Amino acid sequence: MSWIATPESSTIAGFDYIKDRKVLIVEFKNGGRYNYYDVPETIFERMKAAPSKGKFLAQNVKGAYRYARA
């Protein structure tokens, strides 16, 4: 895993991606950590490049992929 810290984000502490399982892991600054399942690698790459990680997550991941609190 290659954890990506996001100190510039107001809501997301960091995130990572498990390529062989297609799992996006997101940790929020409030301490919650969630796994999003069946996420294509392209979504992870786009999130890495997004100027606002929280906005990208809200618009492209939440509601589109199943998830569970980790």
N, C-alpha and C. Protein backbone atom coordinates (compact mmCIF):
# COMPACT_ATOMS: atom_id res chain seq x y z
N MET A 1 0.84 -1.19 0.00
CA MET A 1 0.00 0.00 0.00
C MET A 1 0.88 1.24 0.00
N SER A 2 0.40 2.27 -0.65
CA SER A 2 1.14 3.53 -0.71
C SER A 2 0.22 4.66 -0.27
N TRP A 3 0.10 4.81 1.03
CA TRP A 3 -0.81 5.78 1.62
C TRP A 3 -0.51 7.18 1.11
N ILE A 4 -1.56 7.89 0.71
CA ILE A 4 -1.41 9.25 0.21
C ILE A 4 -2.05 10.19 1.24
N ALA A 5 -1.21 10.92 1.94
CA ALA A 5 -1.70 11.88 2.93
C ALA A 5 -2.21 13.11 2.20
N THR A 6 -3.27 13.71 2.74
CA THR A 6 -3.87 14.88 2.10
C THR A 6 -4.05 16.01 3.12
N PRO A 7 -2.93 16.61 3.57
CA PRO A 7 -3.04 17.68 4.57
C PRO A 7 -3.79 18.90 4.07
N GLU A 8 -3.85 19.07 2.74
CA GLU A 8 -4.55 20.22 2.16
C GLU A 8 -6.07 20.06 2.17
N SER A 9 -6.54 18.85 2.39
CA SER A 9 -7.98 18.58 2.38
C SER A 9 -8.60 18.92 3.73
N SER A 10 -9.78 19.50 3.70
CA SER A 10 -10.47 19.83 4.95
C SER A 10 -11.20 18.63 5.54
N THR A 11 -11.45 17.60 4.73
CA THR A 11 -12.22 16.45 5.22
C THR A 11 -11.49 15.12 5.16
N ILE A 12 -10.58 14.94 4.22
CA ILE A 12 -9.92 13.64 4.03
C ILE A 12 -8.49 13.69 4.55
N ALA A 13 -8.16 12.76 5.47
CA ALA A 13 -6.82 12.68 6.03
C ALA A 13 -5.86 11.99 5.06
N GLY A 14 -6.39 11.00 4.32
CA GLY A 14 -5.56 10.28 3.37
C GLY A 14 -6.34 9.16 2.71
N PHE A 15 -5.72 8.55 1.70
CA PHE A 15 -6.39 7.46 0.99
C PHE A 15 -5.37 6.56 0.33
N ASP A 16 -5.83 5.39 -0.06
CA ASP A 16 -4.98 4.40 -0.70
C ASP A 16 -5.85 3.51 -1.58
N TYR A 17 -5.20 2.66 -2.36
CA TYR A 17 -5.92 1.78 -3.28
C TYR A 17 -5.25 0.43 -3.30
N ILE A 18 -6.03 -0.63 -3.16
CA ILE A 18 -5.51 -1.99 -3.27
C ILE A 18 -5.89 -2.49 -4.66
N LYS A 19 -4.92 -2.45 -5.54
CA LYS A 19 -5.15 -2.71 -6.96
C LYS A 19 -5.76 -4.08 -7.25
N ASP A 20 -5.21 -5.14 -6.66
CA ASP A 20 -5.70 -6.48 -6.99
C ASP A 20 -7.09 -6.76 -6.44
N ARG A 21 -7.56 -5.96 -5.47
CA ARG A 21 -8.89 -6.14 -4.91
C ARG A 21 -9.86 -5.03 -5.32
N LYS A 22 -9.32 -4.00 -6.00
CA LYS A 22 -10.11 -2.84 -6.44
C LYS A 22 -10.83 -2.17 -5.27
N VAL A 23 -10.06 -1.97 -4.18
CA VAL A 23 -10.61 -1.34 -2.98
C VAL A 23 -9.94 0.02 -2.76
N LEU A 24 -10.77 1.05 -2.69
CA LEU A 24 -10.30 2.39 -2.36
C LEU A 24 -10.53 2.58 -0.86
N ILE A 25 -9.47 2.92 -0.14
CA ILE A 25 -9.55 3.13 1.30
C ILE A 25 -9.44 4.64 1.55
N VAL A 26 -10.40 5.17 2.28
CA VAL A 26 -10.40 6.61 2.56
C VAL A 26 -10.52 6.81 4.06
N GLU A 27 -9.60 7.61 4.61
CA GLU A 27 -9.67 7.96 6.02
C GLU A 27 -10.01 9.44 6.13
N PHE A 28 -11.02 9.72 6.92
CA PHE A 28 -11.47 11.10 7.10
C PHE A 28 -10.81 11.72 8.33
N LYS A 29 -10.75 13.03 8.34
CA LYS A 29 -10.10 13.73 9.45
C LYS A 29 -10.85 13.55 10.76
N ASN A 30 -12.12 13.15 10.70
CA ASN A 30 -12.88 12.90 11.92
C ASN A 30 -12.59 11.51 12.49
N GLY A 31 -11.71 10.76 11.83
CA GLY A 31 -11.30 9.44 12.32
C GLY A 31 -11.96 8.27 11.63
N GLY A 32 -13.01 8.49 10.88
CA GLY A 32 -13.67 7.40 10.16
C GLY A 32 -12.84 6.90 9.00
N ARG A 33 -12.87 5.60 8.80
CA ARG A 33 -12.16 5.00 7.67
C ARG A 33 -13.13 4.10 6.93
N TYR A 34 -13.18 4.25 5.61
CA TYR A 34 -14.13 3.49 4.80
C TYR A 34 -13.43 2.81 3.65
N ASN A 35 -13.90 1.62 3.31
CA ASN A 35 -13.45 0.88 2.13
C ASN A 35 -14.55 0.98 1.08
N TYR A 36 -14.19 1.40 -0.11
CA TYR A 36 -15.12 1.44 -1.25
C TYR A 36 -14.70 0.32 -2.19
N TYR A 37 -15.66 -0.52 -2.57
CA TYR A 37 -15.37 -1.76 -3.31
C TYR A 37 -15.67 -1.65 -4.81
N ASP A 38 -14.92 -2.44 -5.58
CA ASP A 38 -15.07 -2.52 -7.04
C ASP A 38 -14.81 -1.19 -7.73
N VAL A 39 -13.88 -0.43 -7.17
CA VAL A 39 -13.52 0.87 -7.72
C VAL A 39 -12.43 0.67 -8.78
N PRO A 40 -12.66 1.11 -10.01
CA PRO A 40 -11.63 0.96 -11.05
C PRO A 40 -10.39 1.79 -10.72
N GLU A 41 -9.26 1.32 -11.15
CA GLU A 41 -8.00 2.03 -10.90
C GLU A 41 -8.04 3.44 -11.49
N THR A 42 -8.77 3.63 -12.57
CA THR A 42 -8.85 4.96 -13.18
C THR A 42 -9.47 5.98 -12.22
N ILE A 43 -10.42 5.54 -11.40
CA ILE A 43 -11.02 6.44 -10.40
C ILE A 43 -9.98 6.85 -9.37
N PHE A 44 -9.18 5.88 -8.92
CA PHE A 44 -8.10 6.19 -7.97
C PHE A 44 -7.12 7.18 -8.58
N GLU A 45 -6.73 6.97 -9.82
CA GLU A 45 -5.78 7.86 -10.49
C GLU A 45 -6.38 9.27 -10.63
N ARG A 46 -7.66 9.34 -10.96
CA ARG A 46 -8.32 10.64 -11.08
C ARG A 46 -8.42 11.33 -9.72
N MET A 47 -8.65 10.55 -8.66
CA MET A 47 -8.72 11.14 -7.32
C MET A 47 -7.36 11.71 -6.92
N LYS A 48 -6.29 10.98 -7.25
CA LYS A 48 -4.94 11.48 -6.94
C LYS A 48 -4.69 12.82 -7.61
N ALA A 49 -5.19 12.99 -8.84
CA ALA A 49 -4.95 14.20 -9.61
C ALA A 49 -5.95 15.32 -9.31
N ALA A 50 -7.02 15.02 -8.63
CA ALA A 50 -8.07 16.01 -8.39
C ALA A 50 -7.59 17.12 -7.46
N PRO A 51 -7.93 18.37 -7.78
CA PRO A 51 -7.53 19.47 -6.90
C PRO A 51 -8.22 19.41 -5.53
N SER A 52 -9.44 18.89 -5.50
CA SER A 52 -10.17 18.73 -4.24
C SER A 52 -10.55 17.26 -4.07
N LYS A 53 -9.86 16.58 -3.15
CA LYS A 53 -10.12 15.15 -2.94
C LYS A 53 -11.53 14.91 -2.41
N GLY A 54 -11.97 15.76 -1.48
CA GLY A 54 -13.30 15.61 -0.91
C GLY A 54 -14.41 15.80 -1.93
N LYS A 55 -14.24 16.79 -2.77
CA LYS A 55 -15.24 17.06 -3.82
C LYS A 55 -15.26 15.91 -4.81
N PHE A 56 -14.07 15.42 -5.19
CA PHE A 56 -14.01 14.29 -6.12
C PHE A 56 -14.70 13.07 -5.53
N LEU A 57 -14.42 12.79 -4.26
CA LEU A 57 -15.03 11.64 -3.60
C LEU A 57 -16.55 11.77 -3.60
N ALA A 58 -17.05 12.95 -3.25
CA ALA A 58 -18.50 13.17 -3.19
C ALA A 58 -19.16 13.03 -4.56
N GLN A 59 -18.49 13.49 -5.60
CA GLN A 59 -19.09 13.49 -6.93
C GLN A 59 -18.89 12.20 -7.71
N ASN A 60 -17.83 11.44 -7.40
CA ASN A 60 -17.49 10.29 -8.24
C ASN A 60 -17.46 8.93 -7.54
N VAL A 61 -17.45 8.93 -6.22
CA VAL A 61 -17.33 7.66 -5.49
C VAL A 61 -18.55 7.39 -4.61
N LYS A 62 -18.87 8.34 -3.76
CA LYS A 62 -20.03 8.15 -2.86
C LYS A 62 -21.29 7.96 -3.68
N GLY A 63 -22.04 6.95 -3.35
CA GLY A 63 -23.27 6.66 -4.06
C GLY A 63 -23.08 5.85 -5.33
N ALA A 64 -21.83 5.71 -5.78
CA ALA A 64 -21.56 4.96 -7.01
C ALA A 64 -20.99 3.57 -6.71
N TYR A 65 -20.34 3.42 -5.55
CA TYR A 65 -19.70 2.15 -5.19
C TYR A 65 -20.14 1.73 -3.80
N ARG A 66 -20.26 0.43 -3.60
CA ARG A 66 -20.63 -0.06 -2.28
C ARG A 66 -19.46 0.17 -1.33
N TYR A 67 -19.78 0.32 -0.06
CA TYR A 67 -18.75 0.65 0.91
C TYR A 67 -19.07 0.04 2.27
N ALA A 68 -18.07 0.04 3.13
CA ALA A 68 -18.24 -0.41 4.50
C ALA A 68 -17.23 0.33 5.36
N ARG A 69 -17.64 0.61 6.59
CA ARG A 69 -16.69 1.22 7.52
C ARG A 69 -15.61 0.20 7.83
N ALA A 70 -14.38 0.65 7.82
CA ALA A 70 -13.24 -0.27 8.04
C ALA A 70 -12.92 -0.38 9.52
